[in-house]
C-alpha atoms as a PDB file:
ATOM      1  CA  MET A   1      36.389  18.531 -26.000  1.00  0.00           C
ATOM      2  CA  LYS A   2      33.467  17.030 -28.152  1.00  0.00           C
ATOM      3  CA  ARG A   3      34.523  13.466 -25.576  1.00  0.00           C
ATOM      4  CA  LEU A   4      34.444  15.336 -22.521  1.00  0.00           C
ATOM      5  CA  SER A   5      30.903  16.767 -22.967  1.00  0.00           C
ATOM      6  CA  ALA A   6      29.532  13.881 -24.168  1.00  0.00           C
ATOM      7  CA  LEU A   7      30.481  12.653 -20.900  1.00  0.00           C
ATOM      8  CA  VAL A   8      28.814  15.224 -18.849  1.00  0.00           C
ATOM      9  CA  ALA A   9      25.181  14.491 -21.146  1.00  0.00           C
ATOM     10  CA  CYS A  10      25.666  11.408 -20.396  1.00  0.00           C
ATOM     11  CA  ALA A  11      25.823  11.717 -16.262  1.00  0.00           C
ATOM     12  CA  LEU A  12      23.414  14.420 -16.465  1.00  0.00           C
ATOM     13  CA  ALA A  13      21.168  12.006 -18.462  1.00  0.00           C
ATOM     14  CA  ALA A  14      21.837   9.470 -15.798  1.00  0.00           C
ATOM     15  CA  LEU A  15      20.713  11.773 -12.639  1.00  0.00           C
ATOM     16  CA  LEU A  16      17.604  12.642 -14.815  1.00  0.00           C
ATOM     17  CA  LEU A  17      17.068   8.865 -15.332  1.00  0.00           C
ATOM     18  CA  ALA A  18      17.545   8.490 -11.526  1.00  0.00           C
ATOM     19  CA  GLY A  19      15.453  10.948 -10.766  1.00  0.00           C
ATOM     20  CA  CYS A  20      12.736  10.590 -12.997  1.00  0.00           C
ATOM     21  CA  SER A  21      12.952   6.727 -11.567  1.00  0.00           C
ATOM     22  CA  GLU A  22       9.494   4.985 -10.279  1.00  0.00           C
ATOM     23  CA  ARG A  23       9.835   4.812  -6.022  1.00  0.00           C
ATOM     24  CA  THR A  24       8.099   4.568  -3.108  1.00  0.00           C
ATOM     25  CA  TYR A  25       7.417   7.373  -1.118  1.00  0.00           C
ATOM     26  CA  THR A  26       5.877   7.588   2.770  1.00  0.00           C
ATOM     27  CA  GLY A  27       3.982  10.137   4.555  1.00  0.00           C
ATOM     28  CA  THR A  28       1.147  12.159   6.241  1.00  0.00           C
ATOM     29  CA  LEU A  29      -1.351  13.882   5.157  1.00  0.00           C
ATOM     30  CA  THR A  30      -2.810  16.062   7.500  1.00  0.00           C
ATOM     31  CA  ALA A  31      -5.156  17.757   5.801  1.00  0.00           C
ATOM     32  CA  PRO A  32      -7.923  17.398   2.878  1.00  0.00           C
ATOM     33  CA  GLY A  33      -6.600  17.220  -0.724  1.00  0.00           C
ATOM     34  CA  ASP A  34      -8.843  18.678  -3.833  1.00  0.00           C
ATOM     35  CA  GLY A  35     -11.445  16.259  -4.769  1.00  0.00           C
ATOM     36  CA  ALA A  36     -11.729  17.998  -8.154  1.00  0.00           C
ATOM     37  CA  ALA A  37      -8.109  18.510  -8.980  1.00  0.00           C
ATOM     38  CA  ARG A  38      -6.913  15.381  -7.978  1.00  0.00           C
ATOM     39  CA  THR A  39      -4.188  16.351  -5.809  1.00  0.00           C
ATOM     40  CA  PHE A  40      -3.073  16.372  -2.209  1.00  0.00           C
ATOM     41  CA  THR A  41       0.410  17.457  -0.429  1.00  0.00           C
ATOM     42  CA  LEU A  42       1.933  14.907   1.458  1.00  0.00           C
ATOM     43  CA  GLN A  43       4.337  15.366   4.227  1.00  0.00           C
ATOM     44  CA  GLY A  44       7.206  13.104   4.039  1.00  0.00           C
ATOM     45  CA  ASP A  45       8.945  10.710   6.411  1.00  0.00           C
ATOM     46  CA  GLY A  46      12.375  12.010   5.655  1.00  0.00           C
ATOM     47  CA  GLY A  47      10.920  16.241   5.835  1.00  0.00           C
ATOM     48  CA  THR A  48      10.393  16.872   2.595  1.00  0.00           C
ATOM     49  CA  VAL A  49       6.837  17.987   1.526  1.00  0.00           C
ATOM     50  CA  PHE A  50       5.669  16.810  -2.020  1.00  0.00           C
ATOM     51  CA  SER A  51       2.543  17.631  -4.079  1.00  0.00           C
ATOM     52  CA  VAL A  52       1.086  14.517  -5.286  1.00  0.00           C
ATOM     53  CA  LYS A  53      -1.159  14.135  -8.550  1.00  0.00           C
ATOM     54  CA  VAL A  54      -3.305  10.820  -9.313  1.00  0.00           C
ATOM     55  CA  ALA A  55      -4.803  10.839 -12.145  1.00  0.00           C
ATOM     56  CA  GLU A  56      -7.854   8.816 -12.646  1.00  0.00           C
ATOM     57  CA  ASN A  57      -6.765   5.488 -13.859  1.00  0.00           C
ATOM     58  CA  VAL A  58      -4.269   5.747 -10.742  1.00  0.00           C
ATOM     59  CA  PRO A  59      -5.250   2.683  -8.413  1.00  0.00           C
ATOM     60  CA  VAL A  60      -6.250   3.898  -4.558  1.00  0.00           C
ATOM     61  CA  VAL A  61      -6.046   0.964  -1.800  1.00  0.00           C
ATOM     62  CA  ALA A  62      -7.431   1.729   1.746  1.00  0.00           C
ATOM     63  CA  TRP A  63      -6.316  -0.820   3.978  1.00  0.00           C
ATOM     64  CA  PRO A  64      -7.623  -0.154   7.776  1.00  0.00           C
ATOM     65  CA  GLU A  65     -11.071  -0.838   8.053  1.00  0.00           C
ATOM     66  CA  GLY A  66     -13.582   2.225   7.700  1.00  0.00           C
ATOM     67  CA  THR A  67     -11.451   3.698   5.251  1.00  0.00           C
ATOM     68  CA  LYS A  68     -12.098   4.197   1.620  1.00  0.00           C
ATOM     69  CA  PRO A  69     -10.400   6.015  -1.507  1.00  0.00           C
ATOM     70  CA  GLY A  70     -12.007   9.066  -1.195  1.00  0.00           C
ATOM     71  CA  ASP A  71     -10.817   9.806   2.416  1.00  0.00           C
ATOM     72  CA  LEU A  72      -7.837  11.315   0.702  1.00  0.00           C
ATOM     73  CA  TYR A  73      -9.761  13.915  -0.103  1.00  0.00           C
ATOM     74  CA  SER A  74     -12.916  14.488   3.250  1.00  0.00           C
ATOM     75  CA  GLU A  75     -12.497  15.164   6.665  1.00  0.00           C
ATOM     76  CA  ASN A  76     -13.159  12.332   7.958  1.00  0.00           C
ATOM     77  CA  TRP A  77      -9.877  11.673   9.633  1.00  0.00           C
ATOM     78  CA  PRO A  78      -7.451  14.228  11.389  1.00  0.00           C
ATOM     79  CA  ALA A  79      -4.241  12.181   9.862  1.00  0.00           C
ATOM     80  CA  LEU A  80      -4.221   9.120   7.015  1.00  0.00           C
ATOM     81  CA  ARG A  81      -0.056   7.459   6.887  1.00  0.00           C
ATOM     82  CA  LEU A  82      -0.247   6.925   3.029  1.00  0.00           C
ATOM     83  CA  SER A  83       2.649   4.852   0.651  1.00  0.00           C
ATOM     84  CA  VAL A  84       2.477   6.830  -2.634  1.00  0.00           C
ATOM     85  CA  LYS A  85       4.192   5.424  -5.799  1.00  0.00           C
ATOM     86  CA  GLY A  86       5.240   7.489  -8.518  1.00  0.00           C
ATOM     87  CA  ARG A  87       7.789   9.982 -10.385  1.00  0.00           C
ATOM     88  CA  THR A  88       9.360  13.561  -9.497  1.00  0.00           C
ATOM     89  CA  SER A  89      11.212  15.493 -11.266  1.00  0.00           C
ATOM     90  CA  LEU A  90      15.214  15.329 -10.037  1.00  0.00           C
ATOM     91  CA  PHE A  91      14.984  19.791  -9.912  1.00  0.00           C
ATOM     92  CA  GLY A  92      12.471  21.615  -8.401  1.00  0.00           C
ATOM     93  CA  GLY A  93      12.101  23.808  -5.150  1.00  0.00           C
ATOM     94  CA  GLU A  94       8.988  22.835  -2.239  1.00  0.00           C
ATOM     95  CA  PRO A  95       7.076  21.050  -2.600  1.00  0.00           C
ATOM     96  CA  VAL A  96       8.139  18.402  -4.739  1.00  0.00           C
ATOM     97  CA  ALA A  97       5.566  17.510  -7.427  1.00  0.00           C
ATOM     98  CA  LEU A  98       5.192  14.069  -7.551  1.00  0.00           C
ATOM     99  CA  GLU A  99       3.316  12.294 -10.105  1.00  0.00           C
ATOM    100  CA  ALA A 100       1.867   9.292  -8.576  1.00  0.00           C
ATOM    101  CA  SER A 101       1.058   5.690  -9.983  1.00  0.00           C
ATOM    102  CA  SER A 102      -0.186   4.010  -7.071  1.00  0.00           C
ATOM    103  CA  VAL A 103      -1.604   5.765  -3.412  1.00  0.00           C
ATOM    104  CA  GLN A 104      -1.887   2.618  -0.462  1.00  0.00           C
ATOM    105  CA  ILE A 105      -3.792   4.356   2.309  1.00  0.00           C
ATOM    106  CA  ASP A 106      -1.648   2.064   5.175  1.00  0.00           C
ATOM    107  CA  ALA A 107      -3.024   3.881   8.269  1.00  0.00           C
ATOM    108  CA  ALA A 108      -5.787   6.499   9.565  1.00  0.00           C
ATOM    109  CA  GLN A 109      -5.736   8.686  13.006  1.00  0.00           C
ATOM    110  CA  GLN A 110      -8.875   7.888  14.504  1.00  0.00           C
ATOM    111  CA  PRO A 111     -10.683  10.496  16.173  1.00  0.00           C
ATOM    112  CA  GLU A 112     -10.899  10.095  19.452  1.00  0.00           C
ATOM    113  CA  GLY A 113      -7.886   9.375  21.413  1.00  0.00           C
ATOM    114  CA  LEU A 114      -6.732   8.016  24.847  1.00  0.00           C
ATOM    115  CA  THR A 115      -5.695   9.562  28.038  1.00  0.00           C
ATOM    116  CA  LEU A 116      -3.654   7.659  30.713  1.00  0.00           C
ATOM    117  CA  ALA A 117      -3.879   8.475  34.381  1.00  0.00           C
ATOM    118  CA  ASP A 118      -1.733  11.653  34.340  1.00  0.00           C
ATOM    119  CA  GLY A 119      -2.929  13.641  32.005  1.00  0.00           C
ATOM    120  CA  THR A 120      -1.055  12.189  28.901  1.00  0.00           C
ATOM    121  CA  SER A 121      -2.874  12.243  25.899  1.00  0.00           C
ATOM    122  CA  LEU A 122      -2.071   9.701  23.480  1.00  0.00           C
ATOM    123  CA  THR A 123      -2.674   9.584  19.889  1.00  0.00           C
ATOM    124  CA  VAL A 124      -5.066   6.261  18.135  1.00  0.00           C
ATOM    125  CA  TRP A 125      -3.907   4.598  15.341  1.00  0.00           C
ATOM    126  CA  GLN A 126      -5.559   1.933  13.188  1.00  0.00           C
ATOM    127  CA  ALA A 127      -4.045   0.297  10.072  1.00  0.00           C
ATOM    128  CA  SER A 128      -5.213  -3.043   8.593  1.00  0.00           C
ATOM    129  CA  PHE A 129      -3.672  -5.390  11.412  1.00  0.00           C
ATOM    130  CA  ASP A 130      -2.935  -3.781  14.346  1.00  0.00           C
ATOM    131  CA  ARG A 131      -3.134  -0.098  16.177  1.00  0.00           C
ATOM    132  CA  GLU A 132      -1.114   2.289  17.760  1.00  0.00           C
ATOM    133  CA  TYR A 133      -0.806   4.083  20.957  1.00  0.00           C
ATOM    134  CA  CYS A 134       1.381   7.036  20.498  1.00  0.00           C
ATOM    135  CA  ALA A 135       2.979   9.571  23.135  1.00  0.00           C
ATOM    136  CA  PRO A 136       2.992  13.217  22.358  1.00  0.00           C
ATOM    137  CA  ASP A 137       5.940  12.771  20.284  1.00  0.00           C
ATOM    138  CA  GLY A 138       4.871  10.229  18.584  1.00  0.00           C
ATOM    139  CA  THR A 139       6.531   7.601  19.428  1.00  0.00           C
ATOM    140  CA  VAL A 140       4.711   4.374  19.507  1.00  0.00           C
ATOM    141  CA  LEU A 141       3.767   3.401  22.700  1.00  0.00           C
ATOM    142  CA  LEU A 142       2.120   0.127  22.330  1.00  0.00           C
ATOM    143  CA  LYS A 143       1.425  -2.177  19.684  1.00  0.00           C
ATOM    144  CA  GLU A 144      -2.180  -3.939  19.566  1.00  0.00           C
ATOM    145  CA  ARG A 145      -2.197  -6.528  17.296  1.00  0.00           C
ATOM    146  CA  LEU A 146      -5.416  -7.523  15.415  1.00  0.00           C
ATOM    147  CA  GLY A 147      -5.349 -11.120  14.841  1.00  0.00           C
ATOM    148  CA  SER A 148      -7.412 -13.680  13.320  1.00  0.00           C
ATOM    149  CA  GLU A 149     -11.067 -12.831  15.055  1.00  0.00           C
ATOM    150  CA  ALA A 150     -13.466 -15.691  16.498  1.00  0.00           C
ATOM    151  CA  ALA A 151     -16.182 -14.828  12.951  1.00  0.00           C
ATOM    152  CA  ASP A 152     -13.451 -14.940  10.351  1.00  0.00           C
ATOM    153  CA  THR A 153     -12.021 -18.004  12.064  1.00  0.00           C
ATOM    154  CA  ILE A 154     -15.580 -19.656  12.425  1.00  0.00           C
ATOM    155  CA  GLU A 155     -16.627 -19.118   8.658  1.00  0.00           C
ATOM    156  CA  SER A 156     -13.599 -20.469   7.481  1.00  0.00           C
ATOM    157  CA  VAL A 157     -14.469 -24.057   8.520  1.00  0.00           C
ATOM    158  CA  PRO A 158     -16.720 -26.098   6.360  1.00  0.00           C
ATOM    159  CA  GLY A 159     -20.612 -27.746   6.836  1.00  0.00           C
ATOM    160  CA  LEU A 160     -21.107 -25.312   9.628  1.00  0.00           C
ATOM    161  CA  ALA A 161     -24.088 -24.846  10.188  1.00  0.00           C
ATOM    162  CA  GLU A 162     -25.510 -21.481  10.684  1.00  0.00           C
ATOM    163  CA  GLU A 163     -27.063 -21.988  14.190  1.00  0.00           C
ATOM    164  CA  ALA A 164     -23.322 -23.788  15.454  1.00  0.00           C
ATOM    165  CA  LYS A 165     -22.025 -20.924  14.027  1.00  0.00           C
ATOM    166  CA  GLU A 166     -24.302 -18.110  15.926  1.00  0.00           C
ATOM    167  CA  ASN A 167     -23.941 -20.744  19.015  1.00  0.00           C
ATOM    168  CA  ILE A 168     -20.040 -20.318  18.682  1.00  0.00           C
ATOM    169  CA  LEU A 169     -20.147 -16.585  18.154  1.00  0.00           C
ATOM    170  CA  GLY A 170     -21.838 -16.301  20.865  1.00  0.00           C
ATOM    171  CA  PHE A 171     -20.138 -17.725  22.930  1.00  0.00           C
ATOM    172  CA  TYR A 172     -16.697 -15.627  22.203  1.00  0.00           C
ATOM    173  CA  GLU A 173     -18.773 -12.718  22.014  1.00  0.00           C
ATOM    174  CA  ALA A 174     -19.586 -13.226  25.473  1.00  0.00           C
ATOM    175  CA  GLN A 175     -15.773 -13.880  26.004  1.00  0.00           C
ATOM    176  CA  GLY A 176     -14.539 -10.596  24.917  1.00  0.00           C
ATOM    177  CA  ILE A 177     -10.863  -9.233  24.946  1.00  0.00           C
ATOM    178  CA  LEU A 178      -8.947 -10.803  28.399  1.00  0.00           C
ATOM    179  CA  TYR A 179      -6.291  -8.201  28.508  1.00  0.00           C
ATOM    180  CA  ASP A 180      -6.613  -5.154  30.091  1.00  0.00           C
ATOM    181  CA  LEU A 181      -5.462  -2.418  27.745  1.00  0.00           C
ATOM    182  CA  PRO A 182      -5.816   0.471  29.429  1.00  0.00           C
ATOM    183  CA  ALA A 183      -2.870  -0.781  32.409  1.00  0.00           C
ATOM    184  CA  GLN A 184      -0.764  -2.288  29.616  1.00  0.00           C
ATOM    185  CA  LEU A 185      -0.941   1.264  28.362  1.00  0.00           C
ATOM    186  CA  GLU A 186      -0.142   2.774  31.992  1.00  0.00           C
ATOM    187  CA  LYS A 187       3.351  -0.175  31.817  1.00  0.00           C
ATOM    188  CA  ALA A 188       4.153   0.899  28.808  1.00  0.00           C
ATOM    189  CA  HIS A 189       4.157   4.606  29.042  1.00  0.00           C
ATOM    190  CA  ALA A 190       6.195   4.278  32.050  1.00  0.00           C
ATOM    191  CA  ALA A 191       9.030   2.379  31.052  1.00  0.00           C
ATOM    192  CA  TYR A 192       8.777   5.113  28.350  1.00  0.00           C
ATOM    193  CA  LYS A 193       9.106   7.424  30.712  1.00  0.00           C
ATOM    194  CA  ALA A 194      12.078   5.796  32.874  1.00  0.00           C
ATOM    195  CA  GLU A 195      14.422   4.499  30.073  1.00  0.00           C
ATOM    196  CA  GLY A 196      13.803   7.341  27.125  1.00  0.00           C
ATOM    197  CA  GLY A 197      16.289   6.324  24.323  1.00  0.00           C
ATOM    198  CA  ASP A 198      16.321   2.841  24.669  1.00  0.00           C
ATOM    199  CA  PHE A 199      12.722   2.119  25.101  1.00  0.00           C
ATOM    200  CA  GLU A 200      10.708  -0.362  23.263  1.00  0.00           C
ATOM    201  CA  LEU A 201       7.551  -0.103  21.821  1.00  0.00           C
ATOM    202  CA  TYR A 202       4.833  -2.926  23.689  1.00  0.00           C
ATOM    203  CA  THR A 203       3.007  -5.077  21.696  1.00  0.00           C
ATOM    204  CA  LEU A 204      -0.051  -7.308  22.795  1.00  0.00           C
ATOM    205  CA  GLY A 205      -2.917  -8.636  20.904  1.00  0.00           C
ATOM    206  CA  GLN A 206      -5.405 -11.845  20.543  1.00  0.00           C
ATOM    207  CA  GLU A 207      -6.353 -14.256  18.405  1.00  0.00           C
ATOM    208  CA  VAL A 208      -8.706 -17.033  17.575  1.00  0.00           C
ATOM    209  CA  ASN A 209      -8.230 -19.902  15.394  1.00  0.00           C
ATOM    210  CA  LEU A 210      -9.213 -23.812  15.087  1.00  0.00           C
ATOM    211  CA  CYS A 211      -7.020 -25.541  16.734  1.00  0.00           C
ATOM    212  CA  ALA A 212      -8.218 -29.776  16.214  1.00  0.00           C
ATOM    213  CA  GLN A 213     -11.323 -30.927  14.779  1.00  0.00           C
ATOM    214  CA  ASN A 214     -12.884 -34.623  14.345  1.00  0.00           C
ATOM    215  CA  ASP A 215     -16.504 -35.550  13.418  1.00  0.00           C
ATOM    216  CA  SER A 216     -17.955 -34.408  16.192  1.00  0.00           C
ATOM    217  CA  THR A 217     -16.214 -31.757  18.172  1.00  0.00           C
ATOM    218  CA  LEU A 218     -14.046 -28.132  17.603  1.00  0.00           C
ATOM    219  CA  TRP A 219     -11.821 -26.964  19.306  1.00  0.00           C
ATOM    220  CA  PHE A 220     -10.600 -23.130  18.906  1.00  0.00           C
ATOM    221  CA  VAL A 221      -7.701 -21.880  20.866  1.00  0.00           C
ATOM    222  CA  THR A 222      -7.328 -18.218  21.858  1.00  0.00           C
ATOM    223  CA  LYS A 223      -4.241 -16.828  21.667  1.00  0.00           C
ATOM    224  CA  VAL A 224      -2.700 -13.889  23.902  1.00  0.00           C
ATOM    225  CA  THR A 225      -0.442 -12.308  23.209  1.00  0.00           C
ATOM    226  CA  LEU A 226       0.767 -10.032  26.293  1.00  0.00           C
ATOM    227  CA  PRO A 227       4.362  -7.719  26.806  1.00  0.00           C
ATOM    228  CA  LEU A 228       6.887  -9.065  29.253  1.00  0.00           C
ATOM    229  CA  GLY A 229       8.404  -5.310  28.618  1.00  0.00           C
ATOM    230  CA  GLY A 230       9.924  -4.262  25.323  1.00  0.00           C
ATOM    231  CA  ARG A 231       9.752  -6.594  22.834  1.00  0.00           C
ATOM    232  CA  VAL A 232       9.777  -9.221  24.884  1.00  0.00           C
ATOM    233  CA  VAL A 233       6.282 -11.274  25.035  1.00  0.00           C
ATOM    234  CA  THR A 234       4.578 -13.795  26.234  1.00  0.00           C
ATOM    235  CA  GLU A 235       1.976 -16.094  25.229  1.00  0.00           C
ATOM    236  CA  GLU A 236      -1.231 -17.619  26.793  1.00  0.00           C
ATOM    237  CA  PRO A 237      -3.403 -19.900  24.826  1.00  0.00           C
ATOM    238  CA  LEU A 238      -7.426 -21.139  25.816  1.00  0.00           C
ATOM    239  CA  CYS A 239      -8.766 -23.882  25.077  1.00  0.00           C
ATOM    240  CA  ALA A 240     -12.639 -24.178  24.046  1.00  0.00           C
ATOM    241  CA  ALA A 241     -14.301 -27.164  22.830  1.00  0.00           C
ATOM    242  CA  PHE A 242     -17.815 -26.880  20.884  1.00  0.00           C
ATOM    243  CA  ASP A 243     -20.469 -29.234  19.009  1.00  0.00           C
ATOM    244  CA  LYS A 244     -19.891 -29.517  15.915  1.00  0.00           C
ATOM    245  CA  ALA A 245     -23.649 -30.018  14.490  1.00  0.00           C
ATOM    246  CA  THR A 246     -25.032 -26.851  17.237  1.00  0.00           C
ATOM    247  CA  GLY A 247     -22.337 -25.534  18.554  1.00  0.00           C
ATOM    248  CA  GLU A 248     -23.343 -25.702  21.978  1.00  0.00           C
ATOM    249  CA  ALA A 249     -19.536 -25.907  23.985  1.00  0.00           C
ATOM    250  CA  LEU A 250     -18.474 -28.401  25.770  1.00  0.00           C
ATOM    251  CA  GLY A 251     -17.225 -28.924  28.976  1.00  0.00           C
ATOM    252  CA  PRO A 252     -14.884 -30.403  30.454  1.00  0.00           C
ATOM    253  CA  GLU A 253     -16.807 -33.451  31.697  1.00  0.00           C
ATOM    254  CA  ASP A 254     -17.519 -33.730  27.757  1.00  0.00           C
ATOM    255  CA  LEU A 255     -14.027 -34.252  26.510  1.00  0.00           C
ATOM    256  CA  PHE A 256     -11.984 -35.986  29.829  1.00  0.00           C
ATOM    257  CA  THR A 257     -12.774 -39.533  31.665  1.00  0.00           C
ATOM    258  CA  CYS A 258     -12.560 -37.257  34.971  1.00  0.00           C
ATOM    259  CA  THR A 259     -11.881 -33.781  36.330  1.00  0.00           C
ATOM    260  CA  GLY A 260     -10.498 -31.946  38.614  1.00  0.00           C
ATOM    261  CA  ASN A 261      -7.452 -32.653  40.312  1.00  0.00           C
ATOM    262  CA  GLU A 262      -8.191 -36.042  39.221  1.00  0.00           C
ATOM    263  CA  LEU A 263      -7.462 -35.491  35.724  1.00  0.00           C
ATOM    264  CA  ALA A 264      -4.633 -33.020  36.969  1.00  0.00           C
ATOM    265  CA  ALA A 265      -2.446 -36.379  38.607  1.00  0.00           C
ATOM    266  CA  ALA A 266      -3.354 -38.256  35.436  1.00  0.00           C
ATOM    267  CA  LEU A 267      -2.062 -36.070  32.992  1.00  0.00           C
ATOM    268  CA  LEU A 268       1.872 -35.622  35.637  1.00  0.00           C
ATOM    269  CA  ASP A 269       1.825 -39.128  35.493  1.00  0.00           C
ATOM    270  CA  ALA A 270       1.099 -39.410  31.763  1.00  0.00           C
ATOM    271  CA  ALA A 271       4.144 -36.737  31.463  1.00  0.00           C
ATOM    272  CA  GLY A 272       6.534 -38.398  34.146  1.00  0.00           C
ATOM    273  CA  ILE A 273       6.460 -35.665  36.346  1.00  0.00           C
ATOM    274  CA  THR A 274       6.997 -37.195  39.855  1.00  0.00           C
ATOM    275  CA  ASP A 275       9.053 -34.931  42.122  1.00  0.00           C
ATOM    276  CA  GLU A 276       8.161 -32.693  44.860  1.00  0.00           C
ATOM    277  CA  PRO A 277       7.581 -30.081  45.368  1.00  0.00           C
ATOM    278  CA  LYS A 278       7.017 -29.135  41.474  1.00  0.00           C
ATOM    279  CA  ARG A 279       4.315 -31.954  41.073  1.00  0.00           C
ATOM    280  CA  SER A 280       2.228 -30.493  43.569  1.00  0.00           C
ATOM    281  CA  GLU A 281       2.707 -27.049  42.132  1.00  0.00           C
ATOM    282  CA  LEU A 282       1.509 -28.166  39.169  1.00  0.00           C
ATOM    283  CA  LEU A 283      -1.570 -29.634  40.391  1.00  0.00           C
ATOM    284  CA  ALA A 284      -2.329 -26.921  42.242  1.00  0.00           C
ATOM    285  CA  ALA A 285      -2.015 -24.552  39.006  1.00  0.00           C
ATOM    286  CA  PHE A 286      -3.796 -27.079  36.024  1.00  0.00           C
ATOM    287  CA  ASP A 287      -6.710 -25.419  34.785  1.00  0.00           C
ATOM    288  CA  GLU A 288      -9.107 -27.268  32.273  1.00  0.00           C
ATOM    289  CA  SER A 289      -9.087 -24.616  30.071  1.00  0.00           C
ATOM    290  CA  ARG A 290      -5.293 -24.478  29.944  1.00  0.00           C
ATOM    291  CA  ALA A 291      -5.342 -28.348  27.985  1.00  0.00           C
ATOM    292  CA  VAL A 292      -5.330 -27.719  24.101  1.00  0.00           C
ATOM    293  CA  PHE A 293      -6.319 -30.434  22.092  1.00  0.00           C
ATOM    294  CA  ARG A 294      -4.070 -30.174  18.821  1.00  0.00           C
ATOM    295  CA  GLY A 295      -4.139 -33.037  16.423  1.00  0.00           C
ATOM    296  CA  GLU A 296      -0.407 -34.217  17.078  1.00  0.00           C
ATOM    297  CA  ALA A 297      -0.656 -33.802  20.959  1.00  0.00           C
ATOM    298  CA  LEU A 298      -2.481 -32.619  24.367  1.00  0.00           C
ATOM    299  CA  GLU A 299      -0.856 -29.454  25.795  1.00  0.00           C
ATOM    300  CA  VAL A 300      -0.636 -28.997  28.544  1.00  0.00           C
ATOM    301  CA  PHE A 301      -0.076 -25.052  29.770  1.00  0.00           C
ATOM    302  CA  PHE A 302       0.869 -22.813  32.830  1.00  0.00           C
ATOM    303  CA  PRO A 303       0.912 -19.555  32.662  1.00  0.00           C
ATOM    304  CA  LYS A 304       4.662 -17.462  33.594  1.00  0.00           C
ATOM    305  CA  GLY A 305       3.940 -16.899  37.771  1.00  0.00           C
ATOM    306  CA  ALA A 306       1.312 -19.862  38.032  1.00  0.00           C
ATOM    307  CA  VAL A 307       3.766 -22.123  38.911  1.00  0.00           C
ATOM    308  CA  PRO A 308       5.683 -21.093  41.566  1.00  0.00           C
ATOM    309  CA  GLY A 309       9.289 -22.553  40.958  1.00  0.00           C
ATOM    310  CA  GLU A 310       9.110 -21.989  36.836  1.00  0.00           C
ATOM    311  CA  GLU A 311      10.411 -18.346  35.916  1.00  0.00           C
ATOM    312  CA  THR A 312       8.449 -18.669  32.871  1.00  0.00           C
ATOM    313  CA  ALA A 313       5.225 -20.353  31.168  1.00  0.00           C
ATOM    314  CA  LEU A 314       5.234 -23.614  31.321  1.00  0.00           C
ATOM    315  CA  ILE A 315       3.806 -25.901  28.632  1.00  0.00           C
ATOM    316  CA  LEU A 316       3.804 -29.592  29.195  1.00  0.00           C
ATOM    317  CA  GLY A 317       2.952 -31.592  25.772  1.00  0.00           C
ATOM    318  CA  LEU A 318       1.605 -35.232  25.293  1.00  0.00           C
ATOM    319  CA  ASP A 319       0.975 -37.708  22.548  1.00  0.00           C
ATOM    320  CA  TYR A 320      -1.939 -38.968  22.101  1.00  0.00           C
ATOM    321  CA  THR A 321      -0.473 -42.219  23.899  1.00  0.00           C
ATOM    322  CA  ASP A 322      -3.347 -45.361  25.337  1.00  0.00           C
ATOM    323  CA  GLU A 323      -2.365 -43.809  28.705  1.00  0.00           C
ATOM    324  CA  VAL A 324      -3.419 -40.146  27.506  1.00  0.00           C
ATOM    325  CA  LYS A 325      -6.463 -41.609  25.702  1.00  0.00           C
ATOM    326  CA  ALA A 326      -7.683 -43.675  28.048  1.00  0.00           C
ATOM    327  CA  LEU A 327      -8.018 -39.567  30.402  1.00  0.00           C
ATOM    328  CA  LEU A 328     -10.299 -38.989  26.815  1.00  0.00           C
ATOM    329  CA  GLN A 329     -13.956 -39.555  26.422  1.00  0.00           C
ATOM    330  CA  PRO A 330     -14.614 -40.819  22.783  1.00  0.00           C
ATOM    331  CA  ARG A 331     -15.434 -37.425  21.125  1.00  0.00           C
ATOM    332  CA  ALA A 332     -12.392 -35.844  22.091  1.00  0.00           C
ATOM    333  CA  LEU A 333     -10.205 -37.403  19.853  1.00  0.00           C
ATOM    334  CA  PRO A 334      -8.929 -35.044  16.901  1.00  0.00           C
ATOM    335  CA  GLN A 335      -8.656 -36.800  14.085  1.00  0.00           C
ATOM    336  CA  ARG A 336      -5.039 -36.488  13.501  1.00  0.00           C
ATOM    337  CA  ALA A 337      -4.600 -38.335  16.538  1.00  0.00           C
ATOM    338  CA  THR A 338      -6.930 -41.531  15.841  1.00  0.00           C
END
């Protein structure tokens, strides 16, 4: 009997330890907490309601732009998505007491949503690296990825004068967003209504990165991510070149020894493409801004639908051979290609 009692006691102790061990709980804060008491109520993703206590020394991290730790107790946002690490006891009713050891604000619901053409209202959630657009039932229709912005990329290039930074930034401010968000939301919502439970969220985004440079020239590539249906996406690059000293944008004539159809024909010759009708289709679809300079190769991009004979996007990768170098102005050869 004593041995049985000991086993029961050990089992109970194990259960208590399991119940008191730290873990991470995720959920939504829909009403401000009590700032004086440092408590708030968390609606857990699994349905459990937690009464969370945050001690003075507990770190609170706010990831989304515009949020701050004090938003746990403010009315700045309609709702917040949180990750709370801490301990709960095994026993107790609702709400379950949760003593936090850290709190993280993962996303904030924006005060204003969006309305689709049929009157459907969407809620918008801002996280640190993406923005979600949700149907009234909470289904995420589209995730807009927030990639590297031009300003951050420009600042990461060492040795640039302030004038050069301002001119390059001005170029990208004028360029703006290259995708049609409202149109993509309409497509995602139409797919959601048609597919029901089989629907997969759409993804799109845009980011700017440095793709090549030399002593006199910088090249940046804007990568636009567009949904083709569900989680299937296409990525379209757009390249721009700048004078490293002034930041002034450079045109095709500053980079190539010939332009337009003559340049297109020479690049197709270098790629060994002579068969018709493919060659004529590529010639008609060529765009100098789709020639992406990289350290290891020159890429010529043709978007999906630009070439009638191609069902997908097409990329021609050209090594910097003597034939290709002959098509480039002296300033247009990236460092790693020399």
